[in-house]
C-alpha atoms as a PDB file:
ATOM      1  CA  MET A   1      26.858 113.172 162.915  1.00  0.00           C
ATOM      2  CA  ASN A   2      25.644 116.560 163.967  1.00  0.00           C
ATOM      3  CA  LYS A   3      23.130 118.609 161.983  1.00  0.00           C
ATOM      4  CA  ARG A   4      25.800 120.911 160.570  1.00  0.00           C
ATOM      5  CA  THR A   5      27.744 117.954 159.088  1.00  0.00           C
ATOM      6  CA  GLN A   6      24.541 116.440 157.694  1.00  0.00           C
ATOM      7  CA  LEU A   7      23.630 119.768 156.077  1.00  0.00           C
ATOM      8  CA  PHE A   8      27.113 120.045 154.565  1.00  0.00           C
ATOM      9  CA  PHE A   9      26.849 116.551 153.026  1.00  0.00           C
ATOM     10  CA  LEU A  10      23.347 117.266 151.758  1.00  0.00           C
ATOM     11  CA  ILE A  11      24.486 120.492 150.059  1.00  0.00           C
ATOM     12  CA  PHE A  12      27.555 118.729 148.613  1.00  0.00           C
ATOM     13  CA  PHE A  13      25.408 115.874 147.254  1.00  0.00           C
ATOM     14  CA  VAL A  14      22.870 118.251 145.666  1.00  0.00           C
ATOM     15  CA  MET A  15      25.646 120.341 144.074  1.00  0.00           C
ATOM     16  CA  PHE A  16      27.477 117.247 142.775  1.00  0.00           C
ATOM     17  CA  TRP A  17      24.288 115.681 141.397  1.00  0.00           C
ATOM     18  CA  GLY A  18      23.211 118.972 139.790  1.00  0.00           C
ATOM     19  CA  VAL A  19      26.571 119.567 138.105  1.00  0.00           C
ATOM     20  CA  ASN A  20      26.692 115.995 136.761  1.00  0.00           C
ATOM     21  CA  SER A  21      23.129 116.274 135.453  1.00  0.00           C
ATOM     22  CA  CYS A  22      23.919 119.545 133.708  1.00  0.00           C
ATOM     23  CA  LEU A  23      27.107 118.161 132.194  1.00  0.00           C
ATOM     24  CA  ALA A  24      25.337 115.039 130.944  1.00  0.00           C
ATOM     25  CA  GLY A  25      22.589 117.172 129.429  1.00  0.00           C
ATOM     26  CA  ALA A  26      25.132 119.468 127.791  1.00  0.00           C
ATOM     27  CA  SER A  27      26.994 116.464 126.383  1.00  0.00           C
ATOM     28  CA  ASP A  28      23.784 114.937 125.003  1.00  0.00           C
ATOM     29  CA  LYS A  29      22.835 118.278 123.452  1.00  0.00           C
ATOM     30  CA  LYS A  30      26.322 118.687 121.968  1.00  0.00           C
ATOM     31  CA  ASN A  31      26.165 115.196 120.427  1.00  0.00           C
ATOM     32  CA  ALA A  32      22.660 115.803 119.092  1.00  0.00           C
ATOM     33  CA  ASP A  33      23.842 119.134 117.685  1.00  0.00           C
ATOM     34  CA  MET A  34      26.771 117.443 115.910  1.00  0.00           C
ATOM     35  CA  ALA A  35      24.476 114.830 114.374  1.00  0.00           C
ATOM     36  CA  GLU A  36      22.116 117.626 113.304  1.00  0.00           C
ATOM     37  CA  GLU A  37      24.981 119.590 111.729  1.00  0.00           C
ATOM     38  CA  LEU A  38      25.912 116.571 109.602  1.00  0.00           C
ATOM     39  CA  SER A  39      22.395 115.374 108.816  1.00  0.00           C
ATOM     40  CA  ASP A  40      21.070 116.176 105.314  1.00  0.00           C
ATOM     41  CA  ARG A  41      24.278 117.945 104.295  1.00  0.00           C
ATOM     42  CA  THR A  42      26.961 117.334 101.697  1.00  0.00           C
ATOM     43  CA  PHE A  43      30.654 117.727 102.512  1.00  0.00           C
ATOM     44  CA  PHE A  44      33.856 117.690 100.484  1.00  0.00           C
ATOM     45  CA  ILE A  45      36.145 115.382 102.453  1.00  0.00           C
ATOM     46  CA  THR A  46      39.914 115.087 102.263  1.00  0.00           C
ATOM     47  CA  GLU A  47      41.092 111.942 104.015  1.00  0.00           C
ATOM     48  CA  PHE A  48      44.825 112.118 104.745  1.00  0.00           C
ATOM     49  CA  ALA A  49      47.357 109.472 103.691  1.00  0.00           C
ATOM     50  CA  ARG A  50      47.966 106.787 106.332  1.00  0.00           C
ATOM     51  CA  GLY A  51      50.270 103.821 106.106  1.00  0.00           C
ATOM     52  CA  ASN A  52      49.961 102.394 102.573  1.00  0.00           C
ATOM     53  CA  ALA A  53      46.759 104.334 101.812  1.00  0.00           C
ATOM     54  CA  ALA A  54      47.053 107.441  99.653  1.00  0.00           C
ATOM     55  CA  GLU A  55      45.252 110.716 100.323  1.00  0.00           C
ATOM     56  CA  LYS A  56      41.630 110.611  99.089  1.00  0.00           C
ATOM     57  CA  ASP A  57      39.260 113.404  98.110  1.00  0.00           C
ATOM     58  CA  TYR A  58      35.537 112.676  97.830  1.00  0.00           C
ATOM     59  CA  HIS A  59      32.071 114.063  98.463  1.00  0.00           C
ATOM     60  CA  GLY A  60      29.870 112.628 101.199  1.00  0.00           C
ATOM     61  CA  TYR A  61      26.148 113.174 101.667  1.00  0.00           C
ATOM     62  CA  PHE A  62      25.020 112.404 105.235  1.00  0.00           C
ATOM     63  CA  LYS A  63      21.376 111.352 104.919  1.00  0.00           C
ATOM     64  CA  LYS A  64      19.062 111.830 107.895  1.00  0.00           C
ATOM     65  CA  ASP A  65      18.446 108.083 108.166  1.00  0.00           C
ATOM     66  CA  GLY A  66      22.137 107.333 108.853  1.00  0.00           C
ATOM     67  CA  VAL A  67      23.077 106.377 105.288  1.00  0.00           C
ATOM     68  CA  LEU A  68      26.204 107.970 103.829  1.00  0.00           C
ATOM     69  CA  ALA A  69      26.411 108.366 100.041  1.00  0.00           C
ATOM     70  CA  ILE A  70      30.039 108.710  98.908  1.00  0.00           C
ATOM     71  CA  LYS A  71      31.128 109.907  95.469  1.00  0.00           C
ATOM     72  CA  PHE A  72      34.796 109.629  94.501  1.00  0.00           C
ATOM     73  CA  SER A  73      34.318 110.481  90.812  1.00  0.00           C
ATOM     74  CA  PRO A  74      31.430 110.521  88.328  1.00  0.00           C
ATOM     75  CA  LYS A  75      31.828 106.750  87.798  1.00  0.00           C
ATOM     76  CA  HIS A  76      32.910 105.665  91.284  1.00  0.00           C
ATOM     77  CA  SER A  77      30.575 105.848  94.259  1.00  0.00           C
ATOM     78  CA  LYS A  78      29.556 103.734  97.238  1.00  0.00           C
ATOM     79  CA  SER A  79      27.430 103.966 100.328  1.00  0.00           C
ATOM     80  CA  GLY A  80      27.903 103.382 104.004  1.00  0.00           C
ATOM     81  CA  LYS A  81      26.409 104.185 107.393  1.00  0.00           C
ATOM     82  CA  TRP A  82      27.151 107.008 109.802  1.00  0.00           C
ATOM     83  CA  GLU A  83      26.294 107.802 113.415  1.00  0.00           C
ATOM     84  CA  VAL A  84      27.369 110.068 116.258  1.00  0.00           C
ATOM     85  CA  ASP A  85      27.520 108.120 119.515  1.00  0.00           C
ATOM     86  CA  ASP A  86      26.721 109.336 123.028  1.00  0.00           C
ATOM     87  CA  LYS A  87      30.331 110.508 123.470  1.00  0.00           C
ATOM     88  CA  GLY A  88      30.239 112.672 120.340  1.00  0.00           C
ATOM     89  CA  ILE A  89      32.305 110.241 118.258  1.00  0.00           C
ATOM     90  CA  LEU A  90      31.490 110.056 114.544  1.00  0.00           C
ATOM     91  CA  CYS A  91      31.632 106.504 113.180  1.00  0.00           C
ATOM     92  CA  ILE A  92      31.486 105.741 109.467  1.00  0.00           C
ATOM     93  CA  THR A  93      31.054 102.146 108.254  1.00  0.00           C
ATOM     94  CA  THR A  94      31.629 101.171 104.635  1.00  0.00           C
ATOM     95  CA  ILE A  95      31.961  97.853 102.839  1.00  0.00           C
ATOM     96  CA  ARG A  96      35.263  96.944 101.216  1.00  0.00           C
ATOM     97  CA  HIS A  97      34.944  94.414  98.411  1.00  0.00           C
ATOM     98  CA  LYS A  98      37.938  92.113  98.100  1.00  0.00           C
ATOM     99  CA  SER A  99      39.314  90.549  94.939  1.00  0.00           C
ATOM    100  CA  ASN A 100      38.116  87.083  95.985  1.00  0.00           C
ATOM    101  CA  LYS A 101      34.479  88.315  95.805  1.00  0.00           C
ATOM    102  CA  THR A 102      34.143  88.589  99.582  1.00  0.00           C
ATOM    103  CA  SER A 103      33.517  91.799 101.469  1.00  0.00           C
ATOM    104  CA  ILE A 104      34.232  93.155 104.922  1.00  0.00           C
ATOM    105  CA  ASN A 105      32.790  96.043 106.914  1.00  0.00           C
ATOM    106  CA  ILE A 106      35.284  98.780 107.714  1.00  0.00           C
ATOM    107  CA  THR A 107      34.350 101.108 110.577  1.00  0.00           C
ATOM    108  CA  GLN A 108      36.324 104.272 111.225  1.00  0.00           C
ATOM    109  CA  CYS A 109      35.535 106.364 114.289  1.00  0.00           C
ATOM    110  CA  GLY A 110      36.835 109.673 115.543  1.00  0.00           C
ATOM    111  CA  LYS A 111      36.026 113.001 117.102  1.00  0.00           C
ATOM    112  CA  LEU A 112      34.655 115.602 114.688  1.00  0.00           C
ATOM    113  CA  VAL A 113      35.618 119.134 115.743  1.00  0.00           C
ATOM    114  CA  LYS A 114      34.196 122.278 114.175  1.00  0.00           C
ATOM    115  CA  SER A 115      37.070 124.490 113.015  1.00  0.00           C
ATOM    116  CA  SER A 116      35.055 127.251 111.285  1.00  0.00           C
ATOM    117  CA  ALA A 117      31.504 127.974 110.135  1.00  0.00           C
ATOM    118  CA  ARG A 118      31.865 125.558 107.193  1.00  0.00           C
ATOM    119  CA  ALA A 119      34.757 123.286 108.168  1.00  0.00           C
ATOM    120  CA  TYR A 120      35.431 120.389 110.527  1.00  0.00           C
ATOM    121  CA  ARG A 121      38.446 118.287 111.447  1.00  0.00           C
ATOM    122  CA  TRP A 122      38.099 114.565 112.116  1.00  0.00           C
ATOM    123  CA  TYR A 123      40.553 113.055 114.634  1.00  0.00           C
ATOM    124  CA  ASP A 124      41.219 109.382 115.315  1.00  0.00           C
ATOM    125  CA  ASP A 125      41.369 107.838 118.784  1.00  0.00           C
ATOM    126  CA  LYS A 126      45.091 108.703 119.054  1.00  0.00           C
ATOM    127  CA  GLY A 127      44.455 112.406 118.418  1.00  0.00           C
ATOM    128  CA  GLN A 128      45.875 112.337 114.879  1.00  0.00           C
ATOM    129  CA  GLN A 129      43.944 114.362 112.320  1.00  0.00           C
ATOM    130  CA  ARG A 130      42.322 111.904 109.933  1.00  0.00           C
ATOM    131  CA  ALA A 131      40.371 114.165 107.551  1.00  0.00           C
ATOM    132  CA  ASN A 132      38.986 117.607 106.776  1.00  0.00           C
ATOM    133  CA  PHE A 133      35.275 118.108 106.089  1.00  0.00           C
ATOM    134  CA  THR A 134      34.166 121.214 104.170  1.00  0.00           C
ATOM    135  CA  LEU A 135      30.451 121.934 103.982  1.00  0.00           C
ATOM    136  CA  GLN A 136      29.131 122.130 100.414  1.00  0.00           C
ATOM    137  CA  GLY A 137      25.534 122.811 101.403  1.00  0.00           C
ATOM    138  CA  LYS A 138      22.272 121.440 102.715  1.00  0.00           C
ATOM    139  CA  GLY A 139      20.740 118.467 100.937  1.00  0.00           C
ATOM    140  CA  ASP A 140      22.207 116.110  98.345  1.00  0.00           C
ATOM    141  CA  ARG A 141      24.811 118.091  96.409  1.00  0.00           C
ATOM    142  CA  LEU A 142      26.865 115.198  95.126  1.00  0.00           C
ATOM    143  CA  PRO A 143      28.513 116.035  91.800  1.00  0.00           C
END
């Protein structure tokens, strides 16, 4: 290999490594920003009907420690866990109690996309819109 070819490969390697590093940093920042936008905030959430499940409206408070407080009505609430992974996917895990006194963890994951200053859309892994999130404010504002 002559010096010109070596220089070309060196420049190509440095450019490729630099672009990948910047993209990875931007992705990490974007994911951290999304977690920060959810953290310590209350949202009104409309989860769309799917299969046999009817449309649901509820309030969700995303605590900083990863706990999600959910309020369906004044007498019906539950809690779960939330996290934004390294790919920017929001996962929410709740417990479903069955009639035979057993329970199972249900985890739902999807991409949360900001659609306006106070609104987000949550998409499943097939690209179908799963829910709308509307910001109610900072802190616990559950009704």
